[in-house]
Amino acid sequence: MKTDTAHLAWNDRWATPHGRADWLTPEPDVAAFAATLATRGALKVLDLGCGVGRHSLAYARLGLDVTAVDMAEQGLSELHRASREEDLAIATQVAAMTELPFETGSFDHVLSFNVIYHGDPLIVRAAVAEIGRVLRPGGTYQGTMLSKRNVKYGKGEEVAPNTFVDAAIDPDDSDKIHPHFYCNAAELVELFAEFEILSLIDQEHAKPGSWHWHMLAERR
């Protein structure tokens, strides 16, 4: 079965004000690290799976050279609208996380917040490989992965190792009908073997039990 399909649910969500409402403010840890990027010599940033562009806009306000990609075109449309309102230059492109249309070493920093776990292990590995490919040596990566502590782990049908589809969902959790991959710390570190892990925290998001790994890493 095809497993990298969650963008279909997100495309529907981005089409309505209600669906976008919880995804307009940058995450605190993303904003905090963004403020350090210029001092690290990071000028070219890729927002992989940008959604409606909350982080792309934050990067652009700091004067960084931002490229935003997503498979959900409704999100990109909303980002276009918001960037025009603020007169911010952000390059956008519809692209899959497993086939990024950029040259090797194109970026100083890649962000992928709540994105690359949407698929089976083969999809996740391909996405991590692409992140590593488009980052320059010494470039940084910030992202999240679903933790096995998450209450959704093990719920529904296991369609691939550690990958679940849950049809018993509420309207605000509609992407769970698409495959989601979960990992523990050891598995995450192995996935990112080409990176030096700078920080790794298992953090609960807004919903009780919504544990996600938050990671900072440097490309070797």
C-alpha atoms as a PDB file:
ATOM      1  CA  MET A   1       0.000   0.000   0.000  1.00  0.00           C
ATOM      2  CA  LYS A   2       1.066   3.581  -0.574  1.00  0.00           C
ATOM      3  CA  THR A   3       1.911   5.099   2.810  1.00  0.00           C
ATOM      4  CA  ASP A   4       2.991   8.709   2.176  1.00  0.00           C
ATOM      5  CA  THR A   5      -0.569   9.988   1.782  1.00  0.00           C
ATOM      6  CA  ALA A   6      -1.193  12.180   4.852  1.00  0.00           C
ATOM      7  CA  HIS A   7      -0.897  15.360   2.782  1.00  0.00           C
ATOM      8  CA  LEU A   8      -4.378  14.589   1.436  1.00  0.00           C
ATOM      9  CA  ALA A   9      -5.891  15.072   4.905  1.00  0.00           C
ATOM     10  CA  TRP A  10      -3.761  18.150   5.574  1.00  0.00           C
ATOM     11  CA  ASN A  11      -4.751  19.686   2.262  1.00  0.00           C
ATOM     12  CA  ASP A  12      -8.395  19.524   3.374  1.00  0.00           C
ATOM     13  CA  ARG A  13      -7.504  20.962   6.781  1.00  0.00           C
ATOM     14  CA  TRP A  14      -5.589  23.918   5.354  1.00  0.00           C
ATOM     15  CA  ALA A  15      -8.597  24.861   3.216  1.00  0.00           C
ATOM     16  CA  THR A  16     -10.622  26.187   6.182  1.00  0.00           C
ATOM     17  CA  PRO A  17      -9.949  28.838   8.858  1.00  0.00           C
ATOM     18  CA  HIS A  18     -10.845  26.298  11.570  1.00  0.00           C
ATOM     19  CA  GLY A  19      -8.348  23.811  10.178  1.00  0.00           C
ATOM     20  CA  ARG A  20      -5.576  26.404  10.083  1.00  0.00           C
ATOM     21  CA  ALA A  21      -6.298  27.958  13.473  1.00  0.00           C
ATOM     22  CA  ASP A  22      -3.928  25.822  15.566  1.00  0.00           C
ATOM     23  CA  TRP A  23      -1.065  26.057  13.055  1.00  0.00           C
ATOM     24  CA  LEU A  24      -0.387  29.782  12.735  1.00  0.00           C
ATOM     25  CA  THR A  25       2.068  30.416  15.593  1.00  0.00           C
ATOM     26  CA  PRO A  26       5.696  29.222  15.391  1.00  0.00           C
ATOM     27  CA  GLU A  27       6.715  26.575  17.911  1.00  0.00           C
ATOM     28  CA  PRO A  28       8.799  28.079  20.748  1.00  0.00           C
ATOM     29  CA  ASP A  29      11.810  25.807  20.222  1.00  0.00           C
ATOM     30  CA  VAL A  30      11.784  26.464  16.479  1.00  0.00           C
ATOM     31  CA  ALA A  31      11.622  30.222  17.029  1.00  0.00           C
ATOM     32  CA  ALA A  32      14.407  30.079  19.621  1.00  0.00           C
ATOM     33  CA  PHE A  33      16.776  28.170  17.347  1.00  0.00           C
ATOM     34  CA  ALA A  34      15.841  30.308  14.336  1.00  0.00           C
ATOM     35  CA  ALA A  35      17.123  33.361  16.198  1.00  0.00           C
ATOM     36  CA  THR A  36      20.591  31.750  16.338  1.00  0.00           C
ATOM     37  CA  LEU A  37      20.876  30.710  12.703  1.00  0.00           C
ATOM     38  CA  ALA A  38      22.445  33.901  11.338  1.00  0.00           C
ATOM     39  CA  THR A  39      25.142  33.805  14.009  1.00  0.00           C
ATOM     40  CA  ARG A  40      25.900  30.221  12.959  1.00  0.00           C
ATOM     41  CA  GLY A  41      26.369  31.335   9.349  1.00  0.00           C
ATOM     42  CA  ALA A  42      23.104  29.689   8.283  1.00  0.00           C
ATOM     43  CA  LEU A  43      21.424  31.821   5.636  1.00  0.00           C
ATOM     44  CA  LYS A  44      19.644  29.335   3.345  1.00  0.00           C
ATOM     45  CA  VAL A  45      16.796  27.501   5.063  1.00  0.00           C
ATOM     46  CA  LEU A  46      14.450  24.759   3.860  1.00  0.00           C
ATOM     47  CA  ASP A  47      11.060  24.389   5.567  1.00  0.00           C
ATOM     48  CA  LEU A  48      10.191  20.810   4.607  1.00  0.00           C
ATOM     49  CA  GLY A  49       6.467  20.190   4.990  1.00  0.00           C
ATOM     50  CA  CYS A  50       5.748  23.845   5.651  1.00  0.00           C
ATOM     51  CA  GLY A  51       1.970  23.562   6.075  1.00  0.00           C
ATOM     52  CA  VAL A  52       0.506  27.080   6.045  1.00  0.00           C
ATOM     53  CA  GLY A  53       3.968  28.553   6.526  1.00  0.00           C
ATOM     54  CA  ARG A  54       4.157  29.666  10.155  1.00  0.00           C
ATOM     55  CA  HIS A  55       7.854  28.801  10.396  1.00  0.00           C
ATOM     56  CA  SER A  56       8.730  29.952   6.876  1.00  0.00           C
ATOM     57  CA  LEU A  57       7.313  33.361   7.711  1.00  0.00           C
ATOM     58  CA  ALA A  58       9.262  33.477  10.988  1.00  0.00           C
ATOM     59  CA  TYR A  59      12.513  32.650   9.182  1.00  0.00           C
ATOM     60  CA  ALA A  60      11.854  35.252   6.487  1.00  0.00           C
ATOM     61  CA  ARG A  61      11.185  37.946   9.095  1.00  0.00           C
ATOM     62  CA  LEU A  62      14.718  37.295  10.354  1.00  0.00           C
ATOM     63  CA  GLY A  63      16.100  38.023   6.907  1.00  0.00           C
ATOM     64  CA  LEU A  64      16.921  34.411   6.032  1.00  0.00           C
ATOM     65  CA  ASP A  65      16.713  32.999   2.494  1.00  0.00           C
ATOM     66  CA  VAL A  66      13.714  30.649   2.820  1.00  0.00           C
ATOM     67  CA  THR A  67      12.450  27.855   0.597  1.00  0.00           C
ATOM     68  CA  ALA A  68       9.212  26.122   1.613  1.00  0.00           C
ATOM     69  CA  VAL A  69       7.961  22.809   0.229  1.00  0.00           C
ATOM     70  CA  ASP A  70       4.847  20.754   0.844  1.00  0.00           C
ATOM     71  CA  MET A  71       2.610  18.298  -0.982  1.00  0.00           C
ATOM     72  CA  ALA A  72      -0.533  20.054   0.288  1.00  0.00           C
ATOM     73  CA  GLU A  73      -1.175  22.872  -2.183  1.00  0.00           C
ATOM     74  CA  GLN A  74      -3.779  24.558   0.035  1.00  0.00           C
ATOM     75  CA  GLY A  75      -1.079  25.194   2.611  1.00  0.00           C
ATOM     76  CA  LEU A  76       1.235  26.714   0.022  1.00  0.00           C
ATOM     77  CA  SER A  77      -1.598  28.941  -1.183  1.00  0.00           C
ATOM     78  CA  GLU A  78      -2.094  30.236   2.346  1.00  0.00           C
ATOM     79  CA  LEU A  79       1.649  30.856   2.674  1.00  0.00           C
ATOM     80  CA  HIS A  80       1.613  32.817  -0.602  1.00  0.00           C
ATOM     81  CA  ARG A  81      -1.192  35.004   0.734  1.00  0.00           C
ATOM     82  CA  ALA A  82       0.511  35.654   4.064  1.00  0.00           C
ATOM     83  CA  SER A  83       3.936  36.355   2.548  1.00  0.00           C
ATOM     84  CA  ARG A  84       2.441  38.856   0.096  1.00  0.00           C
ATOM     85  CA  GLU A  85       0.705  40.675   2.956  1.00  0.00           C
ATOM     86  CA  GLU A  86       4.055  41.081   4.747  1.00  0.00           C
ATOM     87  CA  ASP A  87       6.062  41.650   1.561  1.00  0.00           C
ATOM     88  CA  LEU A  88       8.312  38.684   2.351  1.00  0.00           C
ATOM     89  CA  ALA A  89      10.155  36.745  -0.341  1.00  0.00           C
ATOM     90  CA  ILE A  90       9.687  33.003   0.198  1.00  0.00           C
ATOM     91  CA  ALA A  91      10.291  30.470  -2.569  1.00  0.00           C
ATOM     92  CA  THR A  92       7.684  27.700  -2.605  1.00  0.00           C
ATOM     93  CA  GLN A  93       7.404  24.396  -4.397  1.00  0.00           C
ATOM     94  CA  VAL A  94       5.151  21.343  -4.380  1.00  0.00           C
ATOM     95  CA  ALA A  95       7.523  18.467  -3.653  1.00  0.00           C
ATOM     96  CA  ALA A  96       7.606  15.090  -1.917  1.00  0.00           C
ATOM     97  CA  MET A  97       9.887  14.713   1.095  1.00  0.00           C
ATOM     98  CA  THR A  98      11.400  11.626  -0.524  1.00  0.00           C
ATOM     99  CA  GLU A  99      12.372  13.415  -3.760  1.00  0.00           C
ATOM    100  CA  LEU A 100      13.497  16.952  -3.034  1.00  0.00           C
ATOM    101  CA  PRO A 101      14.172  18.971  -6.207  1.00  0.00           C
ATOM    102  CA  PHE A 102      17.360  20.613  -4.923  1.00  0.00           C
ATOM    103  CA  GLU A 103      21.071  20.185  -5.498  1.00  0.00           C
ATOM    104  CA  THR A 104      23.205  18.360  -2.949  1.00  0.00           C
ATOM    105  CA  GLY A 105      24.338  20.676  -0.154  1.00  0.00           C
ATOM    106  CA  SER A 106      21.892  23.441  -1.082  1.00  0.00           C
ATOM    107  CA  PHE A 107      20.880  24.451   2.450  1.00  0.00           C
ATOM    108  CA  ASP A 108      22.459  25.539   5.711  1.00  0.00           C
ATOM    109  CA  HIS A 109      19.451  24.468   7.796  1.00  0.00           C
ATOM    110  CA  VAL A 110      16.433  22.207   7.317  1.00  0.00           C
ATOM    111  CA  LEU A 111      13.300  22.224   9.462  1.00  0.00           C
ATOM    112  CA  SER A 112      10.715  19.456   9.285  1.00  0.00           C
ATOM    113  CA  PHE A 113       8.193  19.852  12.092  1.00  0.00           C
ATOM    114  CA  ASN A 114       5.640  17.011  12.433  1.00  0.00           C
ATOM    115  CA  VAL A 115       6.243  15.792   8.881  1.00  0.00           C
ATOM    116  CA  ILE A 116       8.635  12.955   8.109  1.00  0.00           C
ATOM    117  CA  TYR A 117       6.903  10.318  10.261  1.00  0.00           C
ATOM    118  CA  HIS A 118       3.974  10.274   7.820  1.00  0.00           C
ATOM    119  CA  GLY A 119       4.767   6.977   6.116  1.00  0.00           C
ATOM    120  CA  ASP A 120       6.340   3.567   6.650  1.00  0.00           C
ATOM    121  CA  PRO A 121      10.014   2.930   7.533  1.00  0.00           C
ATOM    122  CA  LEU A 122      11.081   3.018   3.885  1.00  0.00           C
ATOM    123  CA  ILE A 123       9.439   6.421   3.404  1.00  0.00           C
ATOM    124  CA  VAL A 124      10.956   7.764   6.624  1.00  0.00           C
ATOM    125  CA  ARG A 125      14.451   6.544   5.690  1.00  0.00           C
ATOM    126  CA  ALA A 126      14.129   8.070   2.230  1.00  0.00           C
ATOM    127  CA  ALA A 127      13.063  11.411   3.728  1.00  0.00           C
ATOM    128  CA  VAL A 128      15.979  11.396   6.204  1.00  0.00           C
ATOM    129  CA  ALA A 129      18.382  10.569   3.352  1.00  0.00           C
ATOM    130  CA  GLU A 130      17.057  13.504   1.322  1.00  0.00           C
ATOM    131  CA  ILE A 131      17.428  15.852   4.274  1.00  0.00           C
ATOM    132  CA  GLY A 132      21.020  14.734   4.655  1.00  0.00           C
ATOM    133  CA  ARG A 133      21.651  15.127   0.936  1.00  0.00           C
ATOM    134  CA  VAL A 134      20.377  18.707   0.613  1.00  0.00           C
ATOM    135  CA  LEU A 135      22.157  19.889   3.782  1.00  0.00           C
ATOM    136  CA  ARG A 136      25.738  21.102   3.498  1.00  0.00           C
ATOM    137  CA  PRO A 137      28.269  19.392   5.791  1.00  0.00           C
ATOM    138  CA  GLY A 138      27.973  21.112   9.155  1.00  0.00           C
ATOM    139  CA  GLY A 139      24.439  22.238   8.366  1.00  0.00           C
ATOM    140  CA  THR A 140      21.752  21.807  10.987  1.00  0.00           C
ATOM    141  CA  TYR A 141      18.461  19.939  11.118  1.00  0.00           C
ATOM    142  CA  GLN A 142      15.539  20.532  13.471  1.00  0.00           C
ATOM    143  CA  GLY A 143      12.562  18.231  13.475  1.00  0.00           C
ATOM    144  CA  THR A 144      10.135  15.977  15.281  1.00  0.00           C
ATOM    145  CA  MET A 145       9.274  12.284  15.214  1.00  0.00           C
ATOM    146  CA  LEU A 146       6.449  10.380  16.864  1.00  0.00           C
ATOM    147  CA  SER A 147       7.503   8.698  20.099  1.00  0.00           C
ATOM    148  CA  LYS A 148       6.476   5.207  21.109  1.00  0.00           C
ATOM    149  CA  ARG A 149       5.229   6.843  24.324  1.00  0.00           C
ATOM    150  CA  ASN A 150       2.508   8.506  22.241  1.00  0.00           C
ATOM    151  CA  VAL A 151      -0.954   7.187  23.130  1.00  0.00           C
ATOM    152  CA  LYS A 152      -1.632   6.510  19.451  1.00  0.00           C
ATOM    153  CA  TYR A 153       1.229   3.999  19.214  1.00  0.00           C
ATOM    154  CA  GLY A 154      -0.184   0.520  18.666  1.00  0.00           C
ATOM    155  CA  LYS A 155      -3.699   1.787  17.921  1.00  0.00           C
ATOM    156  CA  GLY A 156      -5.401   0.610  14.739  1.00  0.00           C
ATOM    157  CA  GLU A 157      -3.830  -1.568  12.041  1.00  0.00           C
ATOM    158  CA  GLU A 158      -0.063  -2.053  11.838  1.00  0.00           C
ATOM    159  CA  VAL A 159       0.549  -1.718   8.097  1.00  0.00           C
ATOM    160  CA  ALA A 160       4.361  -1.861   8.369  1.00  0.00           C
ATOM    161  CA  PRO A 161       6.800  -2.166  11.297  1.00  0.00           C
ATOM    162  CA  ASN A 162       5.918   0.486  13.916  1.00  0.00           C
ATOM    163  CA  THR A 163       3.540   2.081  11.385  1.00  0.00           C
ATOM    164  CA  PHE A 164      -0.160   2.360  12.189  1.00  0.00           C
ATOM    165  CA  VAL A 165      -3.400   3.444  10.545  1.00  0.00           C
ATOM    166  CA  ASP A 166      -6.244   4.316  12.901  1.00  0.00           C
ATOM    167  CA  ALA A 167      -9.732   4.606  11.444  1.00  0.00           C
ATOM    168  CA  ALA A 168     -11.274   5.511  14.832  1.00  0.00           C
ATOM    169  CA  ILE A 169     -10.581   9.232  14.679  1.00  0.00           C
ATOM    170  CA  ASP A 170     -12.214  12.532  15.496  1.00  0.00           C
ATOM    171  CA  PRO A 171     -12.584  15.301  12.880  1.00  0.00           C
ATOM    172  CA  ASP A 172      -9.569  17.195  14.256  1.00  0.00           C
ATOM    173  CA  ASP A 173      -7.349  14.100  14.008  1.00  0.00           C
ATOM    174  CA  SER A 174      -8.242  13.064  10.474  1.00  0.00           C
ATOM    175  CA  ASP A 175      -4.716  12.383   9.274  1.00  0.00           C
ATOM    176  CA  LYS A 176      -4.535   9.244  11.464  1.00  0.00           C
ATOM    177  CA  ILE A 177      -6.349   7.326   8.708  1.00  0.00           C
ATOM    178  CA  HIS A 178      -3.005   7.687   6.924  1.00  0.00           C
ATOM    179  CA  PRO A 179       0.094   5.743   8.042  1.00  0.00           C
ATOM    180  CA  HIS A 180       2.156   7.115  10.934  1.00  0.00           C
ATOM    181  CA  PHE A 181       5.577   5.791  11.994  1.00  0.00           C
ATOM    182  CA  TYR A 182       6.692   5.702  15.669  1.00  0.00           C
ATOM    183  CA  CYS A 183      10.151   5.172  17.156  1.00  0.00           C
ATOM    184  CA  ASN A 184      12.111   5.078  20.393  1.00  0.00           C
ATOM    185  CA  ALA A 185      15.321   7.006  21.017  1.00  0.00           C
ATOM    186  CA  ALA A 186      17.664   4.255  19.852  1.00  0.00           C
ATOM    187  CA  GLU A 187      15.720   3.812  16.613  1.00  0.00           C
ATOM    188  CA  LEU A 188      15.700   7.550  15.972  1.00  0.00           C
ATOM    189  CA  VAL A 189      19.451   7.855  16.503  1.00  0.00           C
ATOM    190  CA  GLU A 190      19.996   4.962  14.084  1.00  0.00           C
ATOM    191  CA  LEU A 191      17.810   6.644  11.469  1.00  0.00           C
ATOM    192  CA  PHE A 192      19.974   9.763  11.735  1.00  0.00           C
ATOM    193  CA  ALA A 193      23.291   7.919  11.717  1.00  0.00           C
ATOM    194  CA  GLU A 194      24.802  10.479   9.319  1.00  0.00           C
ATOM    195  CA  PHE A 195      24.111  13.266  11.824  1.00  0.00           C
ATOM    196  CA  GLU A 196      25.575  14.337  15.138  1.00  0.00           C
ATOM    197  CA  ILE A 197      22.678  14.607  17.595  1.00  0.00           C
ATOM    198  CA  LEU A 198      22.843  17.937  19.450  1.00  0.00           C
ATOM    199  CA  SER A 199      19.606  17.646  21.424  1.00  0.00           C
ATOM    200  CA  LEU A 200      16.889  14.998  21.781  1.00  0.00           C
ATOM    201  CA  ILE A 201      13.843  15.510  24.014  1.00  0.00           C
ATOM    202  CA  ASP A 202      10.634  13.464  24.274  1.00  0.00           C
ATOM    203  CA  GLN A 203       8.040  16.199  24.619  1.00  0.00           C
ATOM    204  CA  GLU A 204       4.273  16.141  25.104  1.00  0.00           C
ATOM    205  CA  HIS A 205       2.343  18.401  22.736  1.00  0.00           C
ATOM    206  CA  ALA A 206      -0.959  20.129  23.474  1.00  0.00           C
ATOM    207  CA  LYS A 207      -3.077  16.965  23.638  1.00  0.00           C
ATOM    208  CA  PRO A 208      -2.488  14.627  26.615  1.00  0.00           C
ATOM    209  CA  GLY A 209      -0.323  11.700  25.581  1.00  0.00           C
ATOM    210  CA  SER A 210       0.825  13.332  22.330  1.00  0.00           C
ATOM    211  CA  TRP A 211       4.534  12.574  22.835  1.00  0.00           C
ATOM    212  CA  HIS A 212       6.935  13.623  20.071  1.00  0.00           C
ATOM    213  CA  TRP A 213      10.707  13.566  19.847  1.00  0.00           C
ATOM    214  CA  HIS A 214      12.175  17.028  19.344  1.00  0.00           C
ATOM    215  CA  MET A 215      15.610  16.832  17.773  1.00  0.00           C
ATOM    216  CA  LEU A 216      18.442  19.130  16.806  1.00  0.00           C
ATOM    217  CA  ALA A 217      21.228  17.597  14.752  1.00  0.00           C
ATOM    218  CA  GLU A 218      24.236  18.562  12.659  1.00  0.00           C
ATOM    219  CA  ARG A 219      25.109  17.004   9.299  1.00  0.00           C
ATOM    220  CA  ARG A 220      28.483  15.283   9.471  1.00  0.00           C
END
